[in-house]
Protein backbone atom coordinates (compact mmCIF):
# COMPACT_ATOMS: atom_id res chain seq x y z
CA UNK A 1 -29.56 -65.97 66.51
CA UNK A 2 -26.53 -64.66 68.31
CA UNK A 3 -24.47 -67.34 66.60
CA UNK A 4 -25.63 -66.31 63.11
CA UNK A 5 -24.94 -62.68 63.87
CA UNK A 6 -21.43 -63.50 65.11
CA UNK A 7 -20.73 -65.54 61.94
CA UNK A 8 -21.85 -62.64 59.65
CA UNK A 9 -19.77 -60.07 61.49
CA UNK A 10 -16.76 -62.34 61.39
CA UNK A 11 -17.12 -62.94 57.68
CA UNK A 12 -17.38 -59.17 57.00
CA UNK A 13 -14.27 -58.52 59.07
CA UNK A 14 -12.39 -61.20 57.17
CA UNK A 15 -13.39 -59.80 53.81
CA UNK A 16 -12.27 -56.35 54.90
CA UNK A 17 -8.84 -57.64 55.84
CA UNK A 18 -8.47 -59.54 52.55
CA UNK A 19 -9.59 -56.50 50.52
CA UNK A 20 -7.16 -54.29 52.40
CA UNK A 21 -4.35 -56.72 51.69
CA UNK A 22 -5.09 -56.71 47.97
CA UNK A 23 -5.37 -52.89 47.97
CA UNK A 24 -1.95 -52.66 49.55
CA UNK A 25 -0.53 -54.68 46.66
CA UNK A 26 -1.89 -52.22 43.98
CA UNK A 27 0.41 -49.37 42.71
CA UNK A 28 -0.42 -45.92 44.02
CA UNK A 29 -1.00 -43.20 41.34
CA UNK A 30 0.31 -39.78 42.32
CA UNK A 31 -1.48 -36.63 41.14
CA UNK A 32 0.17 -34.88 38.17
CA UNK A 33 1.81 -31.71 39.46
CA UNK A 34 0.25 -28.52 38.21
CA UNK A 35 2.61 -26.62 35.84
CA UNK A 36 2.09 -22.95 36.35
CA UNK A 37 2.83 -20.32 33.69
CA UNK A 38 6.22 -18.76 34.38
CA UNK A 39 7.35 -15.27 33.50
CA UNK A 40 10.12 -15.10 30.87
CA UNK A 41 12.48 -12.18 31.38
CA UNK A 42 15.02 -13.09 28.70
CA UNK A 43 13.18 -11.32 25.86
CA UNK A 44 11.57 -8.33 27.54
CA UNK A 45 8.37 -7.46 29.35
CA UNK A 46 5.16 -9.39 28.74
CA UNK A 47 6.70 -12.74 27.77
CA UNK A 48 5.91 -16.04 29.49
CA UNK A 49 7.04 -19.62 28.93
CA UNK A 50 4.69 -21.83 26.97
CA UNK A 51 4.12 -24.69 29.47
CA UNK A 52 6.33 -27.69 28.75
CA UNK A 53 8.66 -25.78 26.39
CA UNK A 54 11.58 -23.39 26.47
CA UNK A 55 9.78 -20.96 24.12
CA UNK A 56 8.67 -17.58 25.39
CA UNK A 57 5.44 -16.06 24.08
CA UNK A 58 4.00 -12.57 24.22
CA UNK A 59 0.36 -11.94 23.26
CA UNK A 60 -0.68 -8.41 22.45
CA UNK A 61 -3.43 -6.60 20.60
CA UNK A 62 -5.39 -3.48 19.91
CA UNK A 63 -8.95 -2.17 19.81
CA UNK A 64 -9.71 0.98 17.81
CA UNK A 65 -12.61 3.17 16.79
CA UNK A 66 -12.18 5.97 14.29
CA UNK A 67 -14.36 8.35 12.34
CA UNK A 68 -13.34 10.33 9.26
CA UNK A 69 -14.65 13.41 7.50
CA UNK A 70 -13.35 13.69 3.93
CA UNK A 71 -14.07 16.72 1.77
CA UNK A 72 -15.98 15.74 -1.36
CA UNK A 73 -16.45 17.62 -4.63
CA UNK A 74 -18.88 15.24 -6.27
CA UNK A 75 -21.89 17.01 -7.80
CA UNK A 76 -24.18 14.11 -8.67
CA UNK A 77 -25.42 10.76 -7.46
CA UNK A 78 -22.95 7.95 -7.95
CA UNK A 79 -22.73 5.39 -5.14
CA UNK A 80 -20.30 6.32 -2.39
CA UNK A 81 -18.93 9.31 -4.30
CA UNK A 82 -21.22 11.57 -2.28
CA UNK A 83 -20.30 10.23 1.17
CA UNK A 84 -18.56 12.63 3.53
CA UNK A 85 -18.33 10.56 6.73
CA UNK A 86 -16.81 7.17 7.42
CA UNK A 87 -16.59 4.97 10.53
CA UNK A 88 -14.39 2.02 11.40
CA UNK A 89 -13.92 -0.48 14.19
CA UNK A 90 -10.64 -2.40 14.23
CA UNK A 91 -9.19 -5.26 16.21
CA UNK A 92 -5.62 -6.57 16.22
CA UNK A 93 -4.02 -9.69 17.66
CA UNK A 94 -0.29 -10.39 17.71
CA UNK A 95 1.76 -13.41 18.82
CA UNK A 96 5.50 -13.12 19.34
CA UNK A 97 7.29 -16.44 20.09
CA UNK A 98 11.03 -16.53 20.86
CA UNK A 99 13.45 -19.30 21.74
CA UNK A 100 17.09 -18.90 22.71
CA UNK A 101 19.44 -21.11 20.65
CA UNK A 102 23.15 -21.50 20.07
CA UNK A 103 22.74 -19.38 16.93
CA UNK A 104 20.86 -16.60 18.68
CA UNK A 105 17.16 -16.01 19.11
CA UNK A 106 14.71 -17.98 16.97
CA UNK A 107 11.67 -15.75 16.53
CA UNK A 108 8.30 -16.14 14.85
CA UNK A 109 5.80 -13.30 14.73
CA UNK A 110 2.16 -13.31 13.56
CA UNK A 111 -0.22 -10.36 13.52
CA UNK A 112 -3.84 -10.19 12.33
CA UNK A 113 -5.89 -7.09 11.62
CA UNK A 114 -9.68 -7.30 11.49
CA UNK A 115 -11.84 -4.28 10.68
CA UNK A 116 -15.31 -3.27 9.60
CA UNK A 117 -15.88 0.17 8.15
CA UNK A 118 -18.29 2.30 6.19
CA UNK A 119 -17.89 5.46 4.18
CA UNK A 120 -15.11 7.10 2.11
CA UNK A 121 -11.56 5.80 1.90
CA UNK A 122 -12.10 2.91 4.27
CA UNK A 123 -12.25 0.50 1.33
CA UNK A 124 -8.87 1.92 0.36
CA UNK A 125 -7.23 1.43 -2.98
CA UNK A 126 -4.26 -0.26 -1.39
CA UNK A 127 -6.33 -2.86 0.45
CA UNK A 128 -8.56 -3.48 -2.56
CA UNK A 129 -5.49 -3.95 -4.71
CA UNK A 130 -4.01 -6.42 -2.25
CA UNK A 131 -7.23 -8.44 -1.98
CA UNK A 132 -7.80 -7.57 1.66
CA UNK A 133 -11.31 -6.16 1.37
CA UNK A 134 -14.67 -7.94 1.44
CA UNK A 135 -17.22 -5.48 0.05
CA UNK A 136 -20.89 -5.36 0.97
CA UNK A 137 -23.63 -5.62 -1.66
CA UNK A 138 -26.85 -3.72 -2.26
CA UNK A 139 -27.81 -0.28 -3.45
CA UNK A 140 -26.74 1.42 -0.25
CA UNK A 141 -23.94 -0.95 0.69
CA UNK A 142 -21.87 -1.80 -2.36
CA UNK A 143 -18.48 -0.16 -2.07
CA UNK A 144 -19.66 1.74 1.01
CA UNK A 145 -19.26 -0.97 3.67
CA UNK A 146 -16.28 -3.26 3.91
CA UNK A 147 -14.82 -5.97 6.10
CA UNK A 148 -11.04 -6.07 6.12
CA UNK A 149 -9.18 -9.26 7.00
CA UNK A 150 -5.43 -8.89 6.83
CA UNK A 151 -2.54 -11.14 7.83
CA UNK A 152 -0.37 -8.13 8.48
CA UNK A 153 2.70 -10.05 9.63
CA UNK A 154 3.80 -13.67 9.54
CA UNK A 155 7.59 -14.09 9.54
CA UNK A 156 10.47 -16.09 11.01
CA UNK A 157 13.79 -14.60 12.09
CA UNK A 158 16.85 -16.76 12.74
CA UNK A 159 20.61 -16.21 12.55
CA UNK A 160 20.22 -12.94 10.63
CA UNK A 161 17.59 -14.25 8.19
CA UNK A 162 14.03 -12.95 7.91
CA UNK A 163 11.52 -14.98 5.90
CA UNK A 164 7.79 -14.43 5.47
CA UNK A 165 5.42 -11.48 5.43
CA UNK A 166 7.18 -8.52 7.00
CA UNK A 167 7.85 -4.81 6.55
CA UNK A 168 9.94 -3.98 3.52
CA UNK A 169 13.58 -3.31 4.35
CA UNK A 170 13.51 -0.38 1.90
CA UNK A 171 11.18 1.64 4.14
CA UNK A 172 12.28 3.95 6.92
CA UNK A 173 9.68 6.55 7.97
CA UNK A 174 6.50 4.54 7.43
CA UNK A 175 4.01 7.23 8.50
CA UNK A 176 4.97 6.47 12.09
CA UNK A 177 3.45 9.66 13.54
CA UNK A 178 0.31 9.80 11.38
CA UNK A 179 -3.17 8.36 11.80
CA UNK A 180 -4.15 8.60 8.17
CA UNK A 181 -0.78 8.09 6.52
CA UNK A 182 -1.36 10.67 3.83
CA UNK A 183 2.17 12.02 3.30
CA UNK A 184 4.26 10.96 0.34
CA UNK A 185 6.95 8.37 0.93
CA UNK A 186 7.45 4.65 0.74
CA UNK A 187 5.21 2.76 3.14
CA UNK A 188 4.63 -0.93 2.50
CA UNK A 189 3.67 -2.22 5.95
CA UNK A 190 4.02 -5.84 4.85
CA UNK A 191 5.24 -7.81 1.87
CA UNK A 192 6.53 -11.31 1.22
CA UNK A 193 10.31 -11.43 1.44
CA UNK A 194 13.49 -13.35 2.19
CA UNK A 195 16.26 -11.22 3.66
CA UNK A 196 19.61 -11.46 5.42
CA UNK A 197 20.88 -8.80 7.83
CA UNK A 198 24.52 -8.62 8.83
CA UNK A 199 25.46 -6.65 11.94
CA UNK A 200 28.92 -5.11 12.21
CA UNK A 201 28.79 -3.77 15.75
CA UNK A 202 28.61 -0.20 17.01
CA UNK A 203 25.08 0.09 15.57
CA UNK A 204 25.94 -0.62 11.91
CA UNK A 205 24.05 -3.20 9.86
CA UNK A 206 23.41 -4.10 6.22
CA UNK A 207 20.49 -5.98 4.69
CA UNK A 208 19.95 -7.67 1.33
CA UNK A 209 16.30 -8.52 0.72
CA UNK A 210 14.49 -10.36 -2.08
CA UNK A 211 10.91 -9.05 -2.07
CA UNK A 212 7.58 -9.72 -3.77
CA UNK A 213 7.24 -7.30 -6.74
CA UNK A 214 3.43 -7.53 -6.92
CA UNK A 215 2.83 -5.06 -4.10
CA UNK A 216 5.22 -2.49 -5.59
CA UNK A 217 3.66 -2.28 -9.05
CA UNK A 218 1.94 0.75 -10.49
CA UNK A 219 0.10 -0.09 -13.74
CA UNK A 220 1.82 0.53 -17.04
CA UNK A 221 0.01 3.04 -19.24
CA UNK A 222 -2.94 1.32 -20.89
CA UNK A 223 -3.72 -1.17 -18.13
CA UNK A 224 -5.92 -1.16 -15.03
CA UNK A 225 -9.29 -0.22 -16.52
CA UNK A 226 -11.03 0.13 -19.84
CA UNK A 227 -11.24 3.90 -19.46
CA UNK A 228 -7.85 4.37 -17.85
CA UNK A 229 -6.52 6.35 -20.82
CA UNK A 230 -9.51 8.27 -22.19
CA UNK A 231 -13.09 7.62 -23.20
CA UNK A 232 -13.36 4.78 -25.72
CA UNK A 233 -14.69 7.21 -28.32
CA UNK A 234 -11.19 8.67 -28.58
CA UNK A 235 -9.77 5.35 -29.71
CA UNK A 236 -10.79 5.10 -33.33
CA UNK A 237 -7.88 2.76 -34.02
CA UNK A 238 -7.76 0.71 -30.85
CA UNK A 239 -10.19 -2.14 -30.25
CA UNK A 240 -8.47 -3.99 -27.43
CA UNK A 241 -9.58 -4.50 -23.86
CA UNK A 242 -8.55 -3.05 -20.55
CA UNK A 243 -4.91 -4.14 -20.44
CA UNK A 244 -3.69 -3.19 -23.90
CA UNK A 245 -1.50 -0.44 -25.29
CA UNK A 246 -0.77 0.30 -28.97
CA UNK A 247 2.52 -0.24 -30.83
CA UNK A 248 3.17 0.50 -34.51
CA UNK A 249 3.70 -2.79 -36.37
CA UNK A 250 5.47 -3.45 -39.65
CA UNK A 251 5.68 -6.09 -42.35
CA UNK A 252 9.02 -6.50 -44.12
CA UNK A 253 10.09 -3.20 -42.64
CA UNK A 254 7.02 -1.32 -43.86
CA UNK A 255 4.48 0.06 -41.31
CA UNK A 256 1.18 -1.73 -41.75
CA UNK A 257 -0.89 -0.99 -38.65
CA UNK A 258 -1.23 -0.84 -34.89
CA UNK A 259 -0.72 -3.90 -32.70
CA UNK A 260 -2.24 -4.14 -29.25
CA UNK A 261 0.19 -5.27 -26.58
CA UNK A 262 -0.79 -6.75 -23.26
CA UNK A 263 0.82 -4.49 -20.65
CA UNK A 264 -0.49 -6.35 -17.61
CA UNK A 265 2.75 -7.20 -15.81
CA UNK A 266 3.86 -10.71 -14.87
CA UNK A 267 6.00 -11.85 -11.94
CA UNK A 268 9.23 -12.86 -13.62
CA UNK A 269 11.82 -11.78 -11.09
CA UNK A 270 11.68 -10.44 -7.53
CA UNK A 271 12.57 -6.96 -6.42
CA UNK A 272 16.06 -6.63 -4.96
CA UNK A 273 16.39 -4.31 -1.97
CA UNK A 274 19.54 -3.28 -0.16
CA UNK A 275 19.83 -1.16 2.98
CA UNK A 276 22.64 0.24 5.11
CA UNK A 277 21.54 1.29 8.60
CA UNK A 278 22.99 2.88 11.72
CA UNK A 279 21.24 2.88 15.09
CA UNK A 280 22.41 4.80 18.14
CA UNK A 281 21.09 6.44 21.26
CA UNK A 282 20.64 9.69 19.34
CA UNK A 283 18.53 8.06 16.60
CA UNK A 284 18.90 6.19 13.31
CA UNK A 285 20.00 6.71 9.73
CA UNK A 286 19.37 4.55 6.67
CA UNK A 287 20.30 4.48 3.00
CA UNK A 288 18.28 2.05 0.87
CA UNK A 289 17.98 1.15 -2.80
CA UNK A 290 15.74 -1.10 -4.89
CA UNK A 291 15.57 -2.58 -8.39
CA UNK A 292 12.13 -3.37 -9.85
CA UNK A 293 11.43 -5.15 -13.15
CA UNK A 294 8.84 -3.78 -15.61
CA UNK A 295 7.60 -6.03 -18.39
CA UNK A 296 4.96 -6.22 -21.11
CA UNK A 297 3.46 -9.15 -22.99
CA UNK A 298 2.99 -9.99 -26.65
CA UNK A 299 0.76 -8.51 -29.34
CA UNK A 300 -2.88 -9.52 -29.13
CA UNK A 301 -4.26 -8.52 -32.52
CA UNK A 302 -4.78 -5.00 -33.80
CA UNK A 303 -5.94 -2.90 -36.73
CA UNK A 304 -4.34 -2.80 -40.18
CA UNK A 305 -4.02 0.77 -41.41
CA UNK A 306 -1.99 0.60 -44.58
CA UNK A 307 -1.77 -1.65 -47.65
CA UNK A 308 -5.02 -3.56 -47.17
CA UNK A 309 -5.06 -7.34 -47.01
CA UNK A 310 -4.99 -9.51 -43.92
CA UNK A 311 -3.70 -8.00 -40.73
CA UNK A 312 -0.51 -9.55 -39.44
CA UNK A 313 1.72 -8.46 -36.63
CA UNK A 314 4.39 -11.13 -36.73
CA UNK A 315 7.14 -8.54 -37.07
CA UNK A 316 5.81 -6.17 -34.42
CA UNK A 317 8.64 -5.50 -31.94
CA UNK A 318 8.38 -7.23 -28.58
CA UNK A 319 8.88 -4.70 -25.78
CA UNK A 320 11.94 -5.65 -23.80
CA UNK A 321 11.85 -5.61 -20.01
CA UNK A 322 13.09 -2.49 -18.30
CA UNK A 323 14.31 -2.07 -14.75
CA UNK A 324 12.95 0.62 -12.51
CA UNK A 325 15.02 1.70 -9.55
CA UNK A 326 14.80 3.89 -6.48
CA UNK A 327 17.06 5.24 -3.76
CA UNK A 328 16.10 6.65 -0.39
CA UNK A 329 17.84 8.31 2.54
CA UNK A 330 16.27 8.70 5.96
CA UNK A 331 17.25 10.25 9.28
CA UNK A 332 15.60 9.87 12.68
CA UNK A 333 16.79 12.15 15.49
CA UNK A 334 15.71 11.80 19.11
CA UNK A 335 15.35 15.23 20.70
CA UNK A 336 14.90 14.69 24.47
CA UNK A 337 16.51 18.12 25.06
CA UNK A 338 13.16 19.57 23.88
CA UNK A 339 11.00 17.07 25.78
CA UNK A 340 11.33 13.37 26.63
CA UNK A 341 10.02 11.28 23.72
CA UNK A 342 10.34 14.01 21.07
CA UNK A 343 11.51 12.72 17.68
CA UNK A 344 12.24 14.20 14.25
CA UNK A 345 12.10 12.28 10.94
CA UNK A 346 13.58 13.49 7.63
CA UNK A 347 13.44 11.45 4.43
CA UNK A 348 13.90 11.84 0.68
CA UNK A 349 13.59 9.45 -2.28
CA UNK A 350 14.06 9.44 -6.05
CA UNK A 351 13.10 6.78 -8.55
CA UNK A 352 12.55 5.93 -12.20
CA UNK A 353 9.83 3.42 -13.01
CA UNK A 354 9.28 2.88 -9.27
CA UNK A 355 6.59 5.25 -8.00
CA UNK A 356 5.57 2.92 -5.17
CA UNK A 357 9.10 3.06 -3.76
CA UNK A 358 9.13 6.85 -3.95
CA UNK A 359 5.63 6.90 -2.48
CA UNK A 360 4.12 9.43 -4.87
CA UNK A 361 1.06 7.23 -5.40
CA UNK A 362 0.78 5.59 -1.96
CA UNK A 363 -2.34 7.45 -0.81
CA UNK A 364 -4.45 6.36 -3.80
CA UNK A 365 -3.23 2.78 -3.62
CA UNK A 366 -1.48 2.65 -7.00
CA UNK A 367 -3.95 0.12 -8.33
CA UNK A 368 -5.24 2.42 -11.10
CA UNK A 369 -3.33 4.26 -13.80
CA UNK A 370 -4.97 7.50 -12.63
CA UNK A 371 -6.87 8.70 -9.59
CA UNK A 372 -7.59 11.80 -7.55
CA UNK A 373 -7.22 13.02 -3.99
CA UNK A 374 -10.99 13.23 -3.41
CA UNK A 375 -14.16 12.15 -5.16
CA UNK A 376 -15.16 14.64 -7.85
CA UNK A 377 -11.85 16.53 -7.69
CA UNK A 378 -10.96 18.88 -10.53
CA UNK A 379 -8.03 16.87 -11.94
CA UNK A 380 -6.49 13.42 -11.81
CA UNK A 381 -2.95 12.32 -11.07
CA UNK A 382 -1.44 9.75 -13.45
CA UNK A 383 0.56 6.99 -11.83
CA UNK A 384 2.01 4.80 -14.59
CA UNK A 385 5.46 3.39 -13.89
CA UNK A 386 6.12 3.45 -17.64
CA UNK A 387 4.55 4.30 -20.99
CA UNK A 388 4.85 1.88 -23.89
CA UNK A 389 6.00 4.20 -26.69
CA UNK A 390 3.87 3.21 -29.70
CA UNK A 391 6.52 4.24 -32.25
CA UNK A 392 9.65 2.75 -30.66
CA UNK A 393 8.01 -0.21 -28.90
CA UNK A 394 10.06 0.54 -25.77
CA UNK A 395 8.98 1.21 -22.19
CA UNK A 396 9.58 4.85 -21.28
CA UNK A 397 10.03 5.04 -17.49
CA UNK A 398 8.36 7.75 -15.43
CA UNK A 399 10.40 9.76 -12.92
CA UNK A 400 9.37 10.77 -9.42
CA UNK A 401 10.79 12.11 -6.17
CA UNK A 402 9.50 12.95 -2.71
CA UNK A 403 10.62 14.51 0.57
CA UNK A 404 8.90 14.24 3.94
CA UNK A 405 9.42 15.63 7.45
CA UNK A 406 7.60 14.70 10.65
CA UNK A 407 8.06 15.85 14.23
CA UNK A 408 6.52 14.40 17.41
CA UNK A 409 6.39 16.57 20.53
CA UNK A 410 5.22 15.74 24.06
CA UNK A 411 3.63 18.74 25.75
CA UNK A 412 3.21 16.66 28.90
CA UNK A 413 3.50 12.90 29.46
CA UNK A 414 -0.25 12.71 28.70
CA UNK A 415 -0.46 15.15 25.76
CA UNK A 416 1.47 14.95 22.49
CA UNK A 417 1.26 16.39 18.98
CA UNK A 418 2.71 15.55 15.59
CA UNK A 419 3.21 17.87 12.63
CA UNK A 420 4.15 16.52 9.22
CA UNK A 421 4.48 17.56 5.61
CA UNK A 422 5.67 16.25 2.28
CA UNK A 423 6.17 17.34 -1.31
CA UNK A 424 6.78 15.33 -4.46
CA UNK A 425 6.80 15.50 -8.23
CA UNK A 426 6.40 13.00 -11.05
CA UNK A 427 6.96 13.30 -14.80
CA UNK A 428 6.55 11.30 -18.00
CA UNK A 429 8.54 11.23 -21.22
CA UNK A 430 7.28 13.91 -23.58
CA UNK A 431 8.12 11.96 -26.72
CA UNK A 432 6.15 8.87 -25.70
CA UNK A 433 3.16 11.00 -24.68
CA UNK A 434 3.13 12.74 -28.06
CA UNK A 435 3.52 9.44 -29.89
CA UNK A 436 0.54 7.94 -28.06
CA UNK A 437 -1.61 10.80 -29.30
CA UNK A 438 -0.27 10.70 -32.86
CA UNK A 439 -0.82 6.99 -33.27
CA UNK A 440 -4.06 6.39 -31.41
CA UNK A 441 -6.18 9.50 -31.80
CA UNK A 442 -7.81 11.17 -34.82
CA UNK A 443 -6.84 14.74 -35.59
CA UNK A 444 -10.10 15.96 -34.05
CA UNK A 445 -9.22 14.34 -30.70
CA UNK A 446 -7.73 16.40 -27.89
CA UNK A 447 -5.21 13.55 -27.47
CA UNK A 448 -3.67 14.30 -30.86
CA UNK A 449 -0.88 16.90 -30.59
CA UNK A 450 -1.90 18.34 -33.96
CA UNK A 451 -5.17 19.49 -32.36
CA UNK A 452 -4.92 22.86 -30.58
CA UNK A 453 -6.86 21.34 -27.66
CA UNK A 454 -3.95 18.99 -26.97
CA UNK A 455 -2.50 21.49 -24.50
CA UNK A 456 -5.54 21.00 -22.24
CA UNK A 457 -5.30 17.22 -22.25
CA UNK A 458 -4.82 15.83 -18.74
CA UNK A 459 -3.46 12.41 -19.76
CA UNK A 460 0.10 11.70 -18.56
CA UNK A 461 0.63 15.28 -17.42
CA UNK A 462 3.49 16.06 -15.05
CA UNK A 463 2.11 16.79 -11.58
CA UNK A 464 3.12 17.54 -8.00
CA UNK A 465 1.58 16.93 -4.60
CA UNK A 466 1.78 18.84 -1.33
CA UNK A 467 0.59 17.32 1.95
CA UNK A 468 0.54 18.97 5.38
CA UNK A 469 -1.12 17.98 8.62
CA UNK A 470 -1.03 17.72 12.38
CA UNK A 471 -2.54 15.87 15.32
CA UNK A 472 -3.29 16.22 19.03
CA UNK A 473 -3.46 13.07 21.18
CA UNK A 474 -4.41 12.63 24.84
CA UNK A 475 -3.35 9.55 26.81
CA UNK A 476 -5.12 9.80 30.19
CA UNK A 477 -3.80 6.36 31.18
CA UNK A 478 -1.14 4.08 29.79
CA UNK A 479 -1.87 2.52 26.36
CA UNK A 480 -5.04 4.55 25.79
CA UNK A 481 -5.01 7.21 23.05
CA UNK A 482 -7.79 9.66 22.24
CA UNK A 483 -6.89 11.98 19.40
CA UNK A 484 -7.79 14.00 16.34
CA UNK A 485 -5.84 14.67 13.14
CA UNK A 486 -6.28 16.98 10.15
CA UNK A 487 -4.62 16.67 6.74
CA UNK A 488 -4.55 19.01 3.74
CA UNK A 489 -3.58 17.70 0.30
CA UNK A 490 -3.02 19.65 -2.92
CA UNK A 491 -2.35 18.11 -6.34
CA UNK A 492 -1.34 20.38 -9.22
CA UNK A 493 -0.01 20.38 -12.75
CA UNK A 494 3.62 21.29 -13.17
CA UNK A 495 2.62 23.65 -15.97
CA UNK A 496 -0.38 24.64 -18.04
CA UNK A 497 -4.05 23.86 -17.45
CA UNK A 498 -6.45 21.01 -18.09
CA UNK A 499 -10.20 20.47 -18.38
CA UNK A 500 -11.91 20.79 -15.00
CA UNK A 501 -13.19 17.25 -14.34
CA UNK A 502 -15.62 18.53 -11.72
CA UNK A 503 -17.36 21.31 -13.63
CA UNK A 504 -17.04 19.70 -17.07
CA UNK A 505 -17.49 16.02 -16.20
CA UNK A 506 -17.69 13.89 -19.34
CA UNK A 507 -16.86 16.82 -21.62
CA UNK A 508 -14.21 16.42 -24.33
CA UNK A 509 -12.34 19.31 -25.91
CA UNK A 510 -12.32 19.25 -29.71
CA UNK A 511 -10.50 22.55 -30.28
CA UNK A 512 -9.96 26.06 -28.95
CA UNK A 513 -11.74 29.35 -29.57
CA UNK A 514 -10.28 32.72 -30.49
CA UNK A 515 -9.57 33.43 -26.83
CA UNK A 516 -7.51 30.26 -26.53
CA UNK A 517 -10.09 28.45 -24.41
CA UNK A 518 -10.87 24.78 -25.03
CA UNK A 519 -14.29 24.15 -26.57
CA UNK A 520 -16.47 21.08 -27.03
CA UNK A 521 -18.09 19.91 -30.26
CA UNK A 522 -20.89 22.45 -29.79
CA UNK A 523 -18.39 25.30 -29.55
CA UNK A 524 -19.04 25.90 -25.85
CA UNK A 525 -16.02 26.99 -23.81
CA UNK A 526 -15.02 24.46 -21.14
CA UNK A 527 -13.74 25.43 -17.66
CA UNK A 528 -10.12 24.63 -16.89
CA UNK A 529 -7.98 24.21 -13.79
CA UNK A 530 -4.39 23.63 -12.78
CA UNK A 531 -4.84 22.25 -9.26
CA UNK A 532 -7.20 20.53 -6.85
CA UNK A 533 -7.13 20.30 -3.08
CA UNK A 534 -8.93 18.60 -0.25
CA UNK A 535 -8.83 18.21 3.50
CA UNK A 536 -9.91 15.53 5.91
CA UNK A 537 -10.28 15.17 9.67
CA UNK A 538 -10.08 11.92 11.60
CA UNK A 539 -10.65 11.16 15.27
CA UNK A 540 -9.53 7.99 17.00
CA UNK A 541 -9.95 6.13 20.26
CA UNK A 542 -7.39 3.33 20.63
CA UNK A 543 -6.37 0.98 23.40
CA UNK A 544 -3.27 -1.25 23.05
CA UNK A 545 -2.52 -4.18 25.30
């Protein structure tokens, strides 16, 4: 027994030696070293190296809650037109990647905004127009609850070039000190563009940018909606749809009828933007200009008025493209001698056929030919970039201008306020407005200048807007803002009066009485107005990181 046990132990010892010898012959695998994230100081605070690369990345974001009270004049029941309060929760994520190269910094930047809101002006005209809103359905939800998904930024910068979705190089003061952004002035937070910026040293630079025209359009007169001009009953001669405007047609030089032209604009050429800028320790200054094409389509049928026979519009004039333009000057002055962080903005713009660049229609989103400053307001503003003159067949450009001032003041490092105000005017060609009424409306219509009620017609009237507001914000800790803001807006006719759309909703003037008041078909005097105003208050809690 002892012999067997000795043999077994010996065999085990031998196997152990052999196994150890073979194990010694095998290659030894070393553990992969852990690559820790390293701070990148080359591009500023918050950047770190993406492991295994020489690219620095900064991740940032925002969380926001806000509630809005918007004055409302609506007198009946019509969906969200009676809502006074709105609420919104918003999240933002941003990724800034930079790599140092022999040609300078290669940068790519992406920013997403996600929001869910209910109530007035959260499903804004601008976002609806740009396809950024997902509306809820149902009796109590449609148009009153909205999810917003927006790729706010997605651009590449390299060797002076910027390509992608970025802020327009035309803009300067982009409502920087406002929560609501209700002042007049160009503010296109993002558009698709390709630009080159040349720097000359000592703070001077120049930029030439080719930008997407779609987000700068305001509808031509006759487009946007089937009732964008007047009620269909006023169009005895026009049978077209929502995007048509009339033009007198002829056959062998003889007028024969009215052709309907498609005035829904097409993307045929980009907008061209140029900017000269100076940046210094005391602030910044910029002079920018833009050229914007306006175009209309071909005739799409019509109504023969004279001579009988088959309608034909082969010789109807094709409206030639016109080119809107705008110029803008802006000044930013740092005023630390008042308090550290204090800043003053001054800006002015003028344009023809380019209301979005001037910013006269920015608050309402510019996606309709007319709109108002609050639901049920007494009058509408008209926002057409041009009117297709029905007698000449040419696009008659509108004119507009705006000025804005904004001042930010720090009472203490934790408390700050902003005050801001703006004023602007816009006008349309009188001849084209008269011609629209002469050609499209019967004598009994208030659109026809032969009718005495024409003077109370609100279509294509020259108007102005005044906006004033202020805010108070508390930042108890870094990157946390708790604030409130109030804004007053007034829209008014440049001259004369028009039918009060609030008190006489749906009423049409057919003439005037002995006292010079507009009357309806029953002879009842209709109320008139020359201005409308509204105010709103918004509170916000926001944390940036």
